[in-house]
Amino acid sequence: MRARITKADLESSQLSWKCIEPMLLSVRGKDLASKAAVYDQLNEGQRALYLFYAFHNHVHSVAEFYWFAAYSIIELKSWDGLKNGLRYLNNMELVQLLEQIERLIESENKLGEQWAMPNPSDIAVDNELFQEAEKLFCSYKLAAEEAIAKLNGIILSNPDDFIEMETD
């Protein structure tokens, strides 16, 4: 399962998104079983893109970043897959950043083996939590931009793993 890409897309800064967009859009609003079925059809590099963009496209603010990271860890159970995908793509900076937000979420929401799912509004009422999450979010935004550029390069170096060229 590879995305159909035009020659113009190869030069786009959004190349990595275009390579996984059809798969993610096909499961938007569907249950986890449907999402897992599409994920299972992907190769390792595509899986890394899938989980990266599934996370990245949901985090546009500090509150969303904090809450969706917690949701990915606690409910979706996709966090380890996200980190493993980034390791596969050799993006240790982003892995380390995700581990920092994971530690923050654990310190705030895990008591022993029990998790408490945070609310997006938690960050608005706890200034210390907001400041720590904001620092991580700002670092994440910069690291994610760099990651996307690296992902684009990986795709260009390994096109058979990610794309199918559209014919004119």
N, C-alpha and C. Protein backbone atom coordinates (compact mmCIF):
# COMPACT_ATOMS: atom_id res chain seq x y z
N MET A 1 0.86 -1.17 0.00
CA MET A 1 0.00 0.00 0.00
C MET A 1 0.90 1.23 0.00
N ARG A 2 1.00 1.86 -1.15
CA ARG A 2 1.81 3.06 -1.28
C ARG A 2 0.97 4.20 -1.83
N ALA A 3 1.34 5.41 -1.45
CA ALA A 3 0.61 6.59 -1.91
C ALA A 3 1.01 6.92 -3.34
N ARG A 4 0.05 7.39 -4.11
CA ARG A 4 0.32 7.84 -5.48
C ARG A 4 0.77 9.30 -5.40
N ILE A 5 1.95 9.56 -5.96
CA ILE A 5 2.59 10.86 -5.85
C ILE A 5 2.90 11.39 -7.24
N THR A 6 2.76 12.70 -7.40
CA THR A 6 3.13 13.34 -8.66
C THR A 6 4.60 13.78 -8.58
N LYS A 7 5.17 14.11 -9.72
CA LYS A 7 6.55 14.61 -9.73
C LYS A 7 6.67 15.89 -8.91
N ALA A 8 5.66 16.74 -8.97
CA ALA A 8 5.68 17.98 -8.19
C ALA A 8 5.69 17.70 -6.70
N ASP A 9 4.99 16.63 -6.26
CA ASP A 9 4.96 16.26 -4.85
C ASP A 9 6.34 15.91 -4.33
N LEU A 10 7.20 15.39 -5.20
CA LEU A 10 8.55 14.99 -4.78
C LEU A 10 9.36 16.18 -4.27
N GLU A 11 9.02 17.38 -4.72
CA GLU A 11 9.74 18.58 -4.30
C GLU A 11 9.02 19.32 -3.17
N SER A 12 7.91 18.80 -2.74
CA SER A 12 7.10 19.47 -1.72
C SER A 12 7.69 19.24 -0.32
N SER A 13 7.59 20.27 0.51
CA SER A 13 7.98 20.12 1.91
C SER A 13 7.00 19.22 2.65
N GLN A 14 5.87 18.93 2.02
CA GLN A 14 4.84 18.07 2.61
C GLN A 14 4.90 16.64 2.06
N LEU A 15 6.01 16.26 1.46
CA LEU A 15 6.12 14.92 0.86
C LEU A 15 5.78 13.81 1.84
N SER A 16 6.33 13.86 3.04
CA SER A 16 6.08 12.77 3.99
C SER A 16 4.60 12.68 4.36
N TRP A 17 3.94 13.83 4.48
CA TRP A 17 2.51 13.81 4.76
C TRP A 17 1.75 13.22 3.57
N LYS A 18 2.11 13.60 2.37
CA LYS A 18 1.42 13.10 1.18
C LYS A 18 1.58 11.58 1.05
N CYS A 19 2.66 11.04 1.61
CA CYS A 19 2.89 9.60 1.53
C CYS A 19 2.02 8.80 2.49
N ILE A 20 1.47 9.45 3.49
CA ILE A 20 0.64 8.71 4.46
C ILE A 20 -0.78 9.26 4.55
N GLU A 21 -1.00 10.41 3.96
CA GLU A 21 -2.32 11.06 4.00
C GLU A 21 -3.46 10.14 3.57
N PRO A 22 -3.36 9.42 2.44
CA PRO A 22 -4.49 8.58 2.03
C PRO A 22 -4.85 7.51 3.07
N MET A 23 -3.85 6.97 3.72
CA MET A 23 -4.10 5.94 4.72
C MET A 23 -4.78 6.52 5.96
N LEU A 24 -4.28 7.67 6.41
CA LEU A 24 -4.87 8.28 7.60
C LEU A 24 -6.27 8.80 7.34
N LEU A 25 -6.48 9.39 6.17
CA LEU A 25 -7.82 9.90 5.86
C LEU A 25 -8.82 8.76 5.69
N SER A 26 -8.34 7.61 5.24
CA SER A 26 -9.25 6.47 5.06
C SER A 26 -9.81 5.94 6.37
N VAL A 27 -9.14 6.25 7.49
CA VAL A 27 -9.60 5.73 8.79
C VAL A 27 -10.08 6.84 9.72
N ARG A 28 -10.11 8.07 9.23
CA ARG A 28 -10.57 9.17 10.07
C ARG A 28 -11.99 8.90 10.57
N GLY A 29 -12.17 9.00 11.87
CA GLY A 29 -13.48 8.81 12.48
C GLY A 29 -13.89 7.35 12.66
N LYS A 30 -13.03 6.42 12.27
CA LYS A 30 -13.35 5.00 12.40
C LYS A 30 -12.83 4.45 13.71
N ASP A 31 -13.25 3.24 14.04
CA ASP A 31 -12.84 2.62 15.30
C ASP A 31 -11.38 2.16 15.24
N LEU A 32 -10.86 1.80 16.41
CA LEU A 32 -9.45 1.39 16.50
C LEU A 32 -9.16 0.14 15.68
N ALA A 33 -10.11 -0.76 15.56
CA ALA A 33 -9.90 -1.97 14.77
C ALA A 33 -9.67 -1.63 13.30
N SER A 34 -10.42 -0.67 12.78
CA SER A 34 -10.24 -0.24 11.39
C SER A 34 -8.88 0.42 11.20
N LYS A 35 -8.49 1.22 12.17
CA LYS A 35 -7.19 1.89 12.10
C LYS A 35 -6.06 0.86 12.16
N ALA A 36 -6.20 -0.12 13.03
CA ALA A 36 -5.19 -1.16 13.15
C ALA A 36 -5.10 -2.00 11.88
N ALA A 37 -6.22 -2.23 11.22
CA ALA A 37 -6.23 -3.02 9.98
C ALA A 37 -5.42 -2.32 8.89
N VAL A 38 -5.56 -1.01 8.78
CA VAL A 38 -4.77 -0.26 7.79
C VAL A 38 -3.30 -0.26 8.21
N TYR A 39 -3.04 0.01 9.46
CA TYR A 39 -1.68 0.03 9.99
C TYR A 39 -0.95 -1.29 9.71
N ASP A 40 -1.64 -2.39 9.89
CA ASP A 40 -1.04 -3.72 9.70
C ASP A 40 -0.63 -3.98 8.25
N GLN A 41 -1.19 -3.24 7.31
CA GLN A 41 -0.85 -3.41 5.89
C GLN A 41 0.38 -2.61 5.47
N LEU A 42 0.91 -1.80 6.37
CA LEU A 42 2.01 -0.90 6.03
C LEU A 42 3.36 -1.54 6.35
N ASN A 43 4.39 -1.08 5.63
CA ASN A 43 5.75 -1.51 5.97
C ASN A 43 6.25 -0.68 7.15
N GLU A 44 7.42 -1.00 7.64
CA GLU A 44 7.92 -0.36 8.86
C GLU A 44 8.07 1.15 8.72
N GLY A 45 8.58 1.61 7.60
CA GLY A 45 8.72 3.04 7.40
C GLY A 45 7.38 3.75 7.33
N GLN A 46 6.42 3.14 6.64
CA GLN A 46 5.08 3.72 6.56
C GLN A 46 4.41 3.73 7.93
N ARG A 47 4.64 2.69 8.72
CA ARG A 47 4.07 2.66 10.07
C ARG A 47 4.61 3.82 10.90
N ALA A 48 5.90 4.10 10.74
CA ALA A 48 6.50 5.22 11.45
C ALA A 48 5.82 6.53 11.04
N LEU A 49 5.61 6.72 9.74
CA LEU A 49 4.92 7.92 9.25
C LEU A 49 3.49 7.98 9.78
N TYR A 50 2.80 6.86 9.74
CA TYR A 50 1.40 6.77 10.17
C TYR A 50 1.27 7.25 11.61
N LEU A 51 2.09 6.69 12.51
CA LEU A 51 1.98 7.05 13.92
C LEU A 51 2.48 8.48 14.18
N PHE A 52 3.52 8.89 13.46
CA PHE A 52 4.00 10.26 13.63
C PHE A 52 2.91 11.26 13.26
N TYR A 53 2.32 11.09 12.08
CA TYR A 53 1.32 12.06 11.64
C TYR A 53 0.00 11.91 12.40
N ALA A 54 -0.32 10.70 12.85
CA ALA A 54 -1.52 10.54 13.67
C ALA A 54 -1.39 11.37 14.95
N PHE A 55 -0.18 11.45 15.47
CA PHE A 55 0.07 12.28 16.65
C PHE A 55 0.22 13.75 16.25
N HIS A 56 1.13 14.01 15.33
CA HIS A 56 1.49 15.38 14.96
C HIS A 56 0.28 16.21 14.51
N ASN A 57 -0.62 15.62 13.79
CA ASN A 57 -1.77 16.36 13.27
C ASN A 57 -2.81 16.68 14.34
N HIS A 58 -2.63 16.17 15.55
CA HIS A 58 -3.57 16.44 16.64
C HIS A 58 -3.03 17.44 17.67
N VAL A 59 -1.81 17.92 17.49
CA VAL A 59 -1.20 18.73 18.55
C VAL A 59 -0.82 20.12 18.03
N HIS A 60 -1.76 21.04 18.16
CA HIS A 60 -1.56 22.40 17.67
C HIS A 60 -1.45 23.43 18.79
N SER A 61 -1.58 22.98 20.02
CA SER A 61 -1.46 23.88 21.17
C SER A 61 -0.84 23.09 22.32
N VAL A 62 -0.46 23.79 23.36
CA VAL A 62 0.13 23.13 24.53
C VAL A 62 -0.86 22.14 25.13
N ALA A 63 -2.12 22.57 25.27
CA ALA A 63 -3.13 21.69 25.87
C ALA A 63 -3.35 20.45 25.01
N GLU A 64 -3.45 20.63 23.70
CA GLU A 64 -3.62 19.47 22.81
C GLU A 64 -2.41 18.55 22.87
N PHE A 65 -1.22 19.12 22.89
CA PHE A 65 0.00 18.33 22.98
C PHE A 65 0.01 17.47 24.24
N TYR A 66 -0.28 18.09 25.36
CA TYR A 66 -0.28 17.37 26.64
C TYR A 66 -1.37 16.30 26.65
N TRP A 67 -2.57 16.70 26.30
CA TRP A 67 -3.69 15.76 26.37
C TRP A 67 -3.54 14.62 25.36
N PHE A 68 -3.19 14.93 24.12
CA PHE A 68 -3.12 13.87 23.11
C PHE A 68 -1.95 12.93 23.37
N ALA A 69 -0.86 13.44 23.94
CA ALA A 69 0.23 12.55 24.34
C ALA A 69 -0.29 11.59 25.42
N ALA A 70 -1.00 12.12 26.40
CA ALA A 70 -1.56 11.26 27.44
C ALA A 70 -2.54 10.25 26.86
N TYR A 71 -3.39 10.70 25.97
CA TYR A 71 -4.36 9.82 25.32
C TYR A 71 -3.64 8.72 24.53
N SER A 72 -2.56 9.08 23.84
CA SER A 72 -1.80 8.10 23.07
C SER A 72 -1.13 7.07 23.97
N ILE A 73 -0.71 7.50 25.14
CA ILE A 73 -0.06 6.60 26.10
C ILE A 73 -1.10 5.72 26.80
N ILE A 74 -2.13 6.34 27.32
CA ILE A 74 -3.07 5.66 28.22
C ILE A 74 -4.15 4.88 27.46
N GLU A 75 -4.78 5.50 26.50
CA GLU A 75 -5.93 4.89 25.83
C GLU A 75 -5.57 4.19 24.52
N LEU A 76 -4.87 4.89 23.63
CA LEU A 76 -4.58 4.33 22.31
C LEU A 76 -3.48 3.27 22.36
N LYS A 77 -2.62 3.38 23.35
CA LYS A 77 -1.48 2.45 23.47
C LYS A 77 -0.59 2.51 22.23
N SER A 78 -0.51 3.69 21.61
CA SER A 78 0.29 3.85 20.39
C SER A 78 1.63 4.52 20.65
N TRP A 79 1.87 4.93 21.88
CA TRP A 79 3.05 5.72 22.21
C TRP A 79 4.36 4.97 21.94
N ASP A 80 4.43 3.72 22.38
CA ASP A 80 5.65 2.94 22.16
C ASP A 80 5.88 2.73 20.66
N GLY A 81 4.81 2.52 19.91
CA GLY A 81 4.93 2.38 18.46
C GLY A 81 5.44 3.66 17.82
N LEU A 82 4.98 4.80 18.30
CA LEU A 82 5.44 6.09 17.80
C LEU A 82 6.94 6.24 18.05
N LYS A 83 7.36 5.96 19.27
CA LYS A 83 8.78 6.08 19.60
C LYS A 83 9.61 5.07 18.80
N ASN A 84 9.12 3.85 18.67
CA ASN A 84 9.86 2.84 17.90
C ASN A 84 9.98 3.23 16.43
N GLY A 85 8.92 3.82 15.88
CA GLY A 85 8.97 4.28 14.49
C GLY A 85 10.00 5.38 14.31
N LEU A 86 10.07 6.28 15.27
CA LEU A 86 11.07 7.35 15.19
C LEU A 86 12.48 6.80 15.37
N ARG A 87 12.62 5.76 16.18
CA ARG A 87 13.93 5.09 16.30
C ARG A 87 14.30 4.45 14.96
N TYR A 88 13.34 3.81 14.33
CA TYR A 88 13.58 3.18 13.03
C TYR A 88 14.05 4.23 12.02
N LEU A 89 13.49 5.42 12.10
CA LEU A 89 13.85 6.50 11.19
C LEU A 89 15.07 7.28 11.70
N ASN A 90 15.65 6.79 12.78
CA ASN A 90 16.87 7.35 13.35
C ASN A 90 16.68 8.80 13.81
N ASN A 91 15.55 9.08 14.45
CA ASN A 91 15.30 10.42 14.97
C ASN A 91 15.29 10.36 16.50
N MET A 92 16.47 10.23 17.06
CA MET A 92 16.59 10.08 18.51
C MET A 92 16.25 11.36 19.26
N GLU A 93 16.45 12.51 18.65
CA GLU A 93 16.10 13.77 19.31
C GLU A 93 14.60 13.80 19.62
N LEU A 94 13.80 13.42 18.66
CA LEU A 94 12.36 13.42 18.87
C LEU A 94 11.95 12.32 19.85
N VAL A 95 12.60 11.18 19.80
CA VAL A 95 12.32 10.10 20.77
C VAL A 95 12.58 10.61 22.19
N GLN A 96 13.71 11.26 22.39
CA GLN A 96 14.04 11.77 23.73
C GLN A 96 13.03 12.81 24.20
N LEU A 97 12.57 13.63 23.29
CA LEU A 97 11.56 14.63 23.63
C LEU A 97 10.24 13.96 24.03
N LEU A 98 9.85 12.93 23.28
CA LEU A 98 8.63 12.20 23.62
C LEU A 98 8.77 11.49 24.97
N GLU A 99 9.95 11.03 25.28
CA GLU A 99 10.17 10.40 26.59
C GLU A 99 10.05 11.42 27.71
N GLN A 100 10.44 12.66 27.46
CA GLN A 100 10.28 13.71 28.46
C GLN A 100 8.80 14.01 28.72
N ILE A 101 8.00 14.11 27.67
CA ILE A 101 6.57 14.37 27.89
C ILE A 101 5.92 13.15 28.54
N GLU A 102 6.39 11.96 28.20
CA GLU A 102 5.88 10.74 28.82
C GLU A 102 6.14 10.77 30.33
N ARG A 103 7.35 11.16 30.74
CA ARG A 103 7.67 11.23 32.17
C ARG A 103 6.79 12.27 32.87
N LEU A 104 6.56 13.40 32.21
CA LEU A 104 5.69 14.42 32.79
C LEU A 104 4.27 13.88 32.97
N ILE A 105 3.77 13.22 31.97
CA ILE A 105 2.41 12.67 32.05
C ILE A 105 2.33 11.61 33.14
N GLU A 106 3.32 10.75 33.21
CA GLU A 106 3.34 9.72 34.26
C GLU A 106 3.37 10.37 35.64
N SER A 107 4.19 11.40 35.82
CA SER A 107 4.30 12.04 37.14
C SER A 107 2.99 12.70 37.56
N GLU A 108 2.21 13.13 36.60
CA GLU A 108 0.96 13.82 36.91
C GLU A 108 -0.26 12.90 36.96
N ASN A 109 -0.19 11.76 36.27
CA ASN A 109 -1.41 10.97 36.05
C ASN A 109 -1.31 9.49 36.37
N LYS A 110 -0.19 9.04 36.92
CA LYS A 110 -0.06 7.62 37.22
C LYS A 110 0.25 7.45 38.69
N LEU A 111 -0.56 6.63 39.34
CA LEU A 111 -0.37 6.32 40.74
C LEU A 111 -0.20 4.81 40.83
N GLY A 112 1.02 4.36 41.04
CA GLY A 112 1.29 2.93 41.02
C GLY A 112 1.11 2.41 39.60
N GLU A 113 0.22 1.48 39.43
CA GLU A 113 -0.09 0.94 38.10
C GLU A 113 -1.36 1.54 37.51
N GLN A 114 -2.03 2.40 38.25
CA GLN A 114 -3.30 2.99 37.82
C GLN A 114 -3.07 4.34 37.15
N TRP A 115 -3.76 4.53 36.02
CA TRP A 115 -3.70 5.79 35.29
C TRP A 115 -4.97 6.59 35.54
N ALA A 116 -4.83 7.88 35.61
CA ALA A 116 -5.97 8.80 35.60
C ALA A 116 -5.86 9.59 34.31
N MET A 117 -6.89 9.54 33.50
CA MET A 117 -6.85 10.26 32.22
C MET A 117 -7.02 11.74 32.48
N PRO A 118 -6.05 12.56 32.06
CA PRO A 118 -6.19 14.00 32.29
C PRO A 118 -7.24 14.61 31.38
N ASN A 119 -7.71 15.77 31.78
CA ASN A 119 -8.61 16.57 30.95
C ASN A 119 -7.78 17.62 30.25
N PRO A 120 -8.18 18.01 29.04
CA PRO A 120 -7.44 19.08 28.37
C PRO A 120 -7.36 20.36 29.21
N SER A 121 -8.34 20.57 30.09
CA SER A 121 -8.35 21.80 30.90
C SER A 121 -7.40 21.73 32.09
N ASP A 122 -6.86 20.54 32.42
CA ASP A 122 -5.94 20.42 33.55
C ASP A 122 -4.78 21.40 33.44
N ILE A 123 -4.31 21.56 32.24
CA ILE A 123 -3.14 22.39 32.00
C ILE A 123 -3.46 23.87 32.23
N ALA A 124 -4.72 24.24 32.11
CA ALA A 124 -5.11 25.64 32.29
C ALA A 124 -5.15 26.04 33.77
N VAL A 125 -5.32 25.07 34.64
CA VAL A 125 -5.46 25.39 36.06
C VAL A 125 -4.19 25.12 36.87
N ASP A 126 -3.20 24.51 36.24
CA ASP A 126 -1.94 24.19 36.93
C ASP A 126 -0.81 24.90 36.18
N ASN A 127 -0.41 26.05 36.70
CA ASN A 127 0.58 26.88 36.01
C ASN A 127 1.93 26.17 35.87
N GLU A 128 2.36 25.44 36.86
CA GLU A 128 3.63 24.72 36.78
C GLU A 128 3.58 23.65 35.70
N LEU A 129 2.48 22.92 35.65
CA LEU A 129 2.29 21.91 34.61
C LEU A 129 2.27 22.57 33.23
N PHE A 130 1.56 23.69 33.12
CA PHE A 130 1.51 24.39 31.85
C PHE A 130 2.90 24.81 31.39
N GLN A 131 3.68 25.38 32.30
CA GLN A 131 5.02 25.86 31.92
C GLN A 131 5.91 24.70 31.45
N GLU A 132 5.86 23.59 32.14
CA GLU A 132 6.67 22.44 31.73
C GLU A 132 6.19 21.89 30.39
N ALA A 133 4.88 21.76 30.23
CA ALA A 133 4.32 21.25 28.97
C ALA A 133 4.60 22.23 27.82
N GLU A 134 4.52 23.52 28.10
CA GLU A 134 4.78 24.52 27.07
C GLU A 134 6.23 24.44 26.59
N LYS A 135 7.16 24.28 27.51
CA LYS A 135 8.57 24.15 27.15
C LYS A 135 8.77 22.93 26.24
N LEU A 136 8.15 21.82 26.60
CA LEU A 136 8.26 20.60 25.79
C LEU A 136 7.57 20.78 24.43
N PHE A 137 6.42 21.44 24.42
CA PHE A 137 5.70 21.67 23.17
C PHE A 137 6.52 22.54 22.22
N CYS A 138 7.14 23.59 22.73
CA CYS A 138 7.97 24.45 21.87
C CYS A 138 9.14 23.65 21.30
N SER A 139 9.75 22.82 22.12
CA SER A 139 10.83 21.95 21.64
C SER A 139 10.31 20.96 20.62
N TYR A 140 9.11 20.42 20.88
CA TYR A 140 8.51 19.47 19.95
C TYR A 140 8.27 20.10 18.59
N LYS A 141 7.72 21.31 18.56
CA LYS A 141 7.43 21.96 17.28
C LYS A 141 8.70 22.09 16.44
N LEU A 142 9.78 22.51 17.05
CA LEU A 142 11.05 22.64 16.32
C LEU A 142 11.57 21.28 15.86
N ALA A 143 11.55 20.31 16.76
CA ALA A 143 12.04 18.97 16.43
C ALA A 143 11.17 18.31 15.36
N ALA A 144 9.86 18.56 15.40
CA ALA A 144 8.96 17.97 14.40
C ALA A 144 9.22 18.55 13.02
N GLU A 145 9.50 19.85 12.94
CA GLU A 145 9.83 20.47 11.65
C GLU A 145 11.08 19.83 11.07
N GLU A 146 12.09 19.64 11.91
CA GLU A 146 13.32 18.98 11.46
C GLU A 146 13.04 17.53 11.07
N ALA A 147 12.20 16.88 11.83
CA ALA A 147 11.87 15.48 11.55
C ALA A 147 11.19 15.35 10.20
N ILE A 148 10.30 16.26 9.89
CA ILE A 148 9.59 16.21 8.61
C ILE A 148 10.57 16.37 7.46
N ALA A 149 11.52 17.27 7.60
CA ALA A 149 12.54 17.44 6.55
C ALA A 149 13.36 16.15 6.39
N LYS A 150 13.71 15.51 7.51
CA LYS A 150 14.46 14.25 7.46
C LYS A 150 13.60 13.14 6.84
N LEU A 151 12.32 13.10 7.21
CA LEU A 151 11.42 12.10 6.64
C LEU A 151 11.33 12.25 5.13
N ASN A 152 11.24 13.49 4.67
CA ASN A 152 11.18 13.73 3.23
C ASN A 152 12.43 13.18 2.55
N GLY A 153 13.58 13.38 3.17
CA GLY A 153 14.83 12.86 2.62
C GLY A 153 14.87 11.34 2.60
N ILE A 154 14.36 10.72 3.65
CA ILE A 154 14.31 9.26 3.71
C ILE A 154 13.43 8.72 2.59
N ILE A 155 12.31 9.38 2.36
CA ILE A 155 11.39 8.95 1.30
C ILE A 155 12.06 9.08 -0.06
N LEU A 156 12.74 10.19 -0.29
CA LEU A 156 13.41 10.39 -1.57
C LEU A 156 14.54 9.37 -1.78
N SER A 157 15.15 8.93 -0.70
CA SER A 157 16.22 7.93 -0.79
C SER A 157 15.68 6.51 -0.91
N ASN A 158 14.43 6.30 -0.52
CA ASN A 158 13.82 4.97 -0.53
C ASN A 158 12.42 5.03 -1.12
N PRO A 159 12.26 5.53 -2.34
CA PRO A 159 10.92 5.76 -2.88
C PRO A 159 10.07 4.49 -3.00
N ASP A 160 10.69 3.35 -3.27
CA ASP A 160 9.91 2.12 -3.44
C ASP A 160 9.20 1.70 -2.16
N ASP A 161 9.68 2.17 -1.01
CA ASP A 161 9.05 1.83 0.26
C ASP A 161 7.82 2.69 0.55
N PHE A 162 7.69 3.83 -0.14
CA PHE A 162 6.67 4.79 0.24
C PHE A 162 5.73 5.24 -0.88
N ILE A 163 6.22 5.29 -2.09
CA ILE A 163 5.43 5.96 -3.13
C ILE A 163 5.28 5.15 -4.40
N GLU A 164 4.24 5.49 -5.09
CA GLU A 164 4.00 5.00 -6.44
C GLU A 164 3.80 6.26 -7.29
N MET A 165 4.59 6.41 -8.31
CA MET A 165 4.52 7.61 -9.13
C MET A 165 3.29 7.58 -10.03
N GLU A 166 2.59 8.70 -10.05
CA GLU A 166 1.47 8.84 -10.99
C GLU A 166 2.04 9.05 -12.38
N THR A 167 1.42 8.45 -13.33
CA THR A 167 1.84 8.67 -14.72
C THR A 167 1.00 9.78 -15.31
N ASP A 168 1.61 10.57 -16.15
CA ASP A 168 0.91 11.72 -16.76
C ASP A 168 -0.05 11.28 -17.84
